[in-house]
C-alpha atoms as a PDB file:
ATOM      1  CA  MET A   1       0.000   0.152   0.136  1.00  0.00           C
ATOM      2  CA  ARG A   2       1.076   3.100  -0.941  1.00  0.00           C
ATOM      3  CA  VAL A   3       0.693   6.008   1.938  1.00  0.00           C
ATOM      4  CA  PRO A   4       0.607   9.622   0.170  1.00  0.00           C
ATOM      5  CA  LYS A   5       3.343  11.685   0.987  1.00  0.00           C
ATOM      6  CA  ARG A   6       1.696  14.273   3.026  1.00  0.00           C
ATOM      7  CA  ASN A   7       0.282  11.779   5.436  1.00  0.00           C
ATOM      8  CA  ARG A   8       3.888   9.711   5.866  1.00  0.00           C
ATOM      9  CA  ARG A   9       4.237  12.019   8.646  1.00  0.00           C
ATOM     10  CA  ILE A  10       1.179  11.184  10.244  1.00  0.00           C
ATOM     11  CA  VAL A  11       1.525   7.203   9.875  1.00  0.00           C
ATOM     12  CA  LEU A  12       5.134   7.503  11.227  1.00  0.00           C
ATOM     13  CA  VAL A  13       3.825   9.535  14.207  1.00  0.00           C
ATOM     14  CA  ALA A  14       1.172   7.111  14.941  1.00  0.00           C
ATOM     15  CA  LEU A  15       3.349   3.845  14.320  1.00  0.00           C
ATOM     16  CA  ALA A  16       6.028   5.479  17.090  1.00  0.00           C
ATOM     17  CA  GLY A  17       3.465   6.250  19.546  1.00  0.00           C
ATOM     18  CA  MET A  18       1.960   2.774  19.250  1.00  0.00           C
ATOM     19  CA  THR A  19       4.981   1.009  19.520  1.00  0.00           C
ATOM     20  CA  LEU A  20       6.067   3.173  22.781  1.00  0.00           C
ATOM     21  CA  SER A  21       2.763   2.496  24.304  1.00  0.00           C
ATOM     22  CA  SER A  22       3.346  -1.096  23.678  1.00  0.00           C
ATOM     23  CA  LEU A  23       6.854  -1.306  25.158  1.00  0.00           C
ATOM     24  CA  GLY A  24       5.167   0.169  28.318  1.00  0.00           C
ATOM     25  CA  ALA A  25       3.084  -2.559  28.894  1.00  0.00           C
ATOM     26  CA  CYS A  26       5.455  -5.380  28.906  1.00  0.00           C
ATOM     27  CA  THR A  27       6.404  -5.246  32.562  1.00  0.00           C
ATOM     28  CA  ILE A  28       7.205  -8.151  34.444  1.00  0.00           C
ATOM     29  CA  THR A  29       6.978  -7.779  38.570  1.00  0.00           C
ATOM     30  CA  GLN A  30       8.136 -10.031  41.236  1.00  0.00           C
ATOM     31  CA  GLU A  31       7.283  -8.869  45.100  1.00  0.00           C
ATOM     32  CA  VAL A  32       8.237 -11.028  48.069  1.00  0.00           C
ATOM     33  CA  LYS A  33       7.528  -9.970  51.481  1.00  0.00           C
ATOM     34  CA  PRO A  34       8.963 -13.086  53.127  1.00  0.00           C
ATOM     35  CA  ALA A  35       7.680 -15.098  56.517  1.00  0.00           C
ATOM     36  CA  THR A  36       9.247 -16.411  59.460  1.00  0.00           C
ATOM     37  CA  VAL A  37       8.127 -19.317  60.591  1.00  0.00           C
ATOM     38  CA  ALA A  38       9.822 -21.339  63.691  1.00  0.00           C
ATOM     39  CA  ALA A  39      12.775 -23.544  63.052  1.00  0.00           C
ATOM     40  CA  ASP A  40      10.720 -26.854  64.206  1.00  0.00           C
ATOM     41  CA  THR A  41       7.251 -25.920  62.826  1.00  0.00           C
ATOM     42  CA  GLU A  42       5.685 -27.843  60.081  1.00  0.00           C
ATOM     43  CA  VAL A  43       4.322 -26.244  57.035  1.00  0.00           C
ATOM     44  CA  CYS A  44       0.886 -26.954  55.943  1.00  0.00           C
ATOM     45  CA  VAL A  45       0.405 -27.181  52.061  1.00  0.00           C
ATOM     46  CA  ILE A  46      -2.939 -26.964  50.992  1.00  0.00           C
ATOM     47  CA  GLU A  47      -3.782 -28.438  47.619  1.00  0.00           C
ATOM     48  CA  ASN A  48      -5.010 -26.386  44.623  1.00  0.00           C
ATOM     49  CA  GLU A  49      -6.112 -28.718  42.134  1.00  0.00           C
ATOM     50  CA  ALA A  50      -6.890 -26.062  39.660  1.00  0.00           C
ATOM     51  CA  VAL A  51      -2.861 -25.990  39.082  1.00  0.00           C
ATOM     52  CA  ARG A  52      -0.522 -27.760  37.035  1.00  0.00           C
ATOM     53  CA  GLU A  53       0.798 -31.252  38.685  1.00  0.00           C
ATOM     54  CA  GLY A  54       4.698 -30.136  38.460  1.00  0.00           C
ATOM     55  CA  PHE A  55       4.076 -26.973  40.197  1.00  0.00           C
ATOM     56  CA  LEU A  56       3.220 -28.578  43.398  1.00  0.00           C
ATOM     57  CA  SER A  57       6.044 -31.009  43.051  1.00  0.00           C
ATOM     58  CA  GLU A  58       8.662 -28.383  42.507  1.00  0.00           C
ATOM     59  CA  LEU A  59       7.165 -26.696  45.588  1.00  0.00           C
ATOM     60  CA  GLN A  60       7.316 -29.630  47.550  1.00  0.00           C
ATOM     61  CA  LYS A  61      11.200 -30.181  46.525  1.00  0.00           C
ATOM     62  CA  SER A  62      12.079 -26.629  47.327  1.00  0.00           C
ATOM     63  CA  LEU A  63      10.326 -26.865  51.008  1.00  0.00           C
ATOM     64  CA  THR A  64      12.449 -29.821  51.465  1.00  0.00           C
ATOM     65  CA  ALA A  65      15.462 -28.784  50.091  1.00  0.00           C
ATOM     66  CA  ASN A  66      14.998 -25.434  52.334  1.00  0.00           C
ATOM     67  CA  GLY A  67      14.779 -27.905  55.175  1.00  0.00           C
ATOM     68  CA  TYR A  68      10.808 -27.377  55.841  1.00  0.00           C
ATOM     69  CA  ARG A  69       8.899 -30.354  56.349  1.00  0.00           C
ATOM     70  CA  TYR A  70       5.391 -30.133  55.385  1.00  0.00           C
ATOM     71  CA  ARG A  71       2.407 -32.389  55.033  1.00  0.00           C
ATOM     72  CA  MET A  72      -0.467 -31.808  52.494  1.00  0.00           C
ATOM     73  CA  LEU A  73      -4.145 -30.764  53.122  1.00  0.00           C
ATOM     74  CA  PRO A  74      -7.069 -31.215  50.876  1.00  0.00           C
ATOM     75  CA  SER A  75      -7.930 -28.295  48.688  1.00  0.00           C
ATOM     76  CA  THR A  76     -10.998 -27.949  51.156  1.00  0.00           C
ATOM     77  CA  ALA A  77      -8.639 -26.502  54.150  1.00  0.00           C
ATOM     78  CA  THR A  78      -8.490 -23.754  55.490  1.00  0.00           C
ATOM     79  CA  THR A  79      -5.850 -21.601  56.349  1.00  0.00           C
ATOM     80  CA  SER A  80      -6.274 -21.969  59.953  1.00  0.00           C
ATOM     81  CA  ASP A  81      -6.773 -25.593  59.939  1.00  0.00           C
ATOM     82  CA  CYS A  82      -2.657 -25.546  60.892  1.00  0.00           C
ATOM     83  CA  PRO A  83      -0.713 -23.222  62.845  1.00  0.00           C
ATOM     84  CA  VAL A  84       1.276 -22.424  59.522  1.00  0.00           C
ATOM     85  CA  THR A  85      -0.616 -23.059  55.986  1.00  0.00           C
ATOM     86  CA  LEU A  86       0.875 -21.892  52.201  1.00  0.00           C
ATOM     87  CA  THR A  87      -1.387 -21.447  49.561  1.00  0.00           C
ATOM     88  CA  TYR A  88      -0.585 -21.274  45.934  1.00  0.00           C
ATOM     89  CA  VAL A  89      -2.140 -20.285  43.036  1.00  0.00           C
ATOM     90  CA  ALA A  90      -0.449 -20.374  39.162  1.00  0.00           C
ATOM     91  CA  ARG A  91      -1.297 -19.593  35.643  1.00  0.00           C
ATOM     92  CA  TRP A  92      -0.134 -20.674  32.608  1.00  0.00           C
ATOM     93  CA  SER A  93      -0.356 -18.841  29.293  1.00  0.00           C
ATOM     94  CA  TRP A  94       0.204 -19.208  25.609  1.00  0.00           C
ATOM     95  CA  ASP A  95       2.148 -16.750  23.173  1.00  0.00           C
ATOM     96  CA  LEU A  96       4.121 -18.859  21.115  1.00  0.00           C
ATOM     97  CA  THR A  97       4.592 -21.458  23.577  1.00  0.00           C
ATOM     98  CA  LEU A  98       3.055 -22.354  26.898  1.00  0.00           C
ATOM     99  CA  TYR A  99       4.860 -20.283  29.415  1.00  0.00           C
ATOM    100  CA  MET A 100       4.025 -19.696  33.419  1.00  0.00           C
ATOM    101  CA  SER A 101       2.350 -16.150  33.428  1.00  0.00           C
ATOM    102  CA  TYR A 102       1.394 -15.748  36.838  1.00  0.00           C
ATOM    103  CA  ALA A 103       2.415 -17.354  40.393  1.00  0.00           C
ATOM    104  CA  ARG A 104       1.560 -16.447  43.658  1.00  0.00           C
ATOM    105  CA  LEU A 105       2.266 -17.989  47.370  1.00  0.00           C
ATOM    106  CA  GLN A 106       1.248 -17.111  50.487  1.00  0.00           C
ATOM    107  CA  VAL A 107       1.832 -18.521  53.952  1.00  0.00           C
ATOM    108  CA  PHE A 108      -0.463 -18.056  56.596  1.00  0.00           C
ATOM    109  CA  ASP A 109       0.631 -17.994  60.675  1.00  0.00           C
ATOM    110  CA  ASN A 110      -2.689 -18.901  62.886  1.00  0.00           C
ATOM    111  CA  GLY A 111      -4.895 -17.719  59.678  1.00  0.00           C
ATOM    112  CA  GLN A 112      -3.136 -14.506  59.521  1.00  0.00           C
ATOM    113  CA  ALA A 113      -1.193 -13.356  56.776  1.00  0.00           C
ATOM    114  CA  ALA A 114       2.536 -13.806  57.371  1.00  0.00           C
ATOM    115  CA  GLY A 115       4.104 -13.933  53.767  1.00  0.00           C
ATOM    116  CA  ASP A 116       3.701 -13.279  50.212  1.00  0.00           C
ATOM    117  CA  ALA A 117       5.629 -13.751  47.054  1.00  0.00           C
ATOM    118  CA  VAL A 118       4.187 -12.900  43.643  1.00  0.00           C
ATOM    119  CA  TYR A 119       5.485 -13.484  40.338  1.00  0.00           C
ATOM    120  CA  ASP A 120       3.290 -11.694  37.590  1.00  0.00           C
ATOM    121  CA  ALA A 121       3.967 -11.481  33.867  1.00  0.00           C
ATOM    122  CA  THR A 122       0.616 -11.365  32.396  1.00  0.00           C
ATOM    123  CA  GLN A 123       1.527  -7.832  31.275  1.00  0.00           C
ATOM    124  CA  GLY A 124       4.747  -9.079  29.755  1.00  0.00           C
ATOM    125  CA  GLY A 125       3.481  -8.210  26.237  1.00  0.00           C
ATOM    126  CA  GLY A 126       6.532  -8.380  23.850  1.00  0.00           C
ATOM    127  CA  ASN A 127       8.884  -8.792  26.987  1.00  0.00           C
ATOM    128  CA  MET A 128      10.943 -11.897  25.805  1.00  0.00           C
ATOM    129  CA  SER A 129      11.823 -12.290  29.381  1.00  0.00           C
ATOM    130  CA  LYS A 130       8.739 -13.885  30.359  1.00  0.00           C
ATOM    131  CA  PHE A 131       9.656 -16.960  28.758  1.00  0.00           C
ATOM    132  CA  ILE A 132      11.094 -18.350  31.960  1.00  0.00           C
ATOM    133  CA  ASP A 133      11.629 -22.073  33.208  1.00  0.00           C
ATOM    134  CA  ALA A 134       9.260 -22.198  35.830  1.00  0.00           C
ATOM    135  CA  GLU A 135      10.708 -24.889  38.027  1.00  0.00           C
ATOM    136  CA  PRO A 136      13.782 -22.481  38.610  1.00  0.00           C
ATOM    137  CA  LYS A 137      11.391 -19.391  39.328  1.00  0.00           C
ATOM    138  CA  ILE A 138       9.092 -21.645  41.429  1.00  0.00           C
ATOM    139  CA  ARG A 139      12.538 -22.657  43.637  1.00  0.00           C
ATOM    140  CA  GLU A 140      13.361 -18.649  43.677  1.00  0.00           C
ATOM    141  CA  LEU A 141      10.159 -17.713  45.395  1.00  0.00           C
ATOM    142  CA  VAL A 142       9.707 -20.584  47.869  1.00  0.00           C
ATOM    143  CA  THR A 143      13.196 -19.492  48.857  1.00  0.00           C
ATOM    144  CA  GLN A 144      12.529 -15.809  49.099  1.00  0.00           C
ATOM    145  CA  LEU A 145       9.559 -16.416  50.899  1.00  0.00           C
ATOM    146  CA  LEU A 146      10.694 -18.995  53.397  1.00  0.00           C
ATOM    147  CA  PRO A 147      14.358 -18.811  53.435  1.00  0.00           C
ATOM    148  CA  PRO A 148      16.579 -21.834  54.044  1.00  0.00           C
ATOM    149  CA  ARG A 149      16.847 -23.059  57.425  1.00  0.00           C
ATOM    150  CA  THR A 150      20.245 -23.434  59.172  1.00  0.00           C
ATOM    151  CA  GLN A 151      20.808 -26.973  60.379  1.00  0.00           C
END
């Protein structure tokens, strides 16, 4: 398509504006508020059946690697069913390939919020950094949320 000479400047300005606005929307965020859990406390993990199985497996491995004992609770459990509970949510999205676009881990101490870890690439747009390996990101979130215990 040929654009008349007098309209080329308008088209270029419009394209530049659209490009700049779409780049600004390519944000990936991660925020962690660590939880403090007593050394001998067991962490009860409330199962979330809506999340891919591999997420839970990596979460369990990470808890063990960081020195935490954990026990699984059914999805019907509440955050006050154990002294320390952990809930998790994760979503995968499709953009050229399947990738983890969102993950949130929350720790509750006697039913009260005690720690929170959120990874959010839902506004990642054209940011290629959103195509991460989920397992290392899960380990990173767990380690920041529940730092490794010293033996």
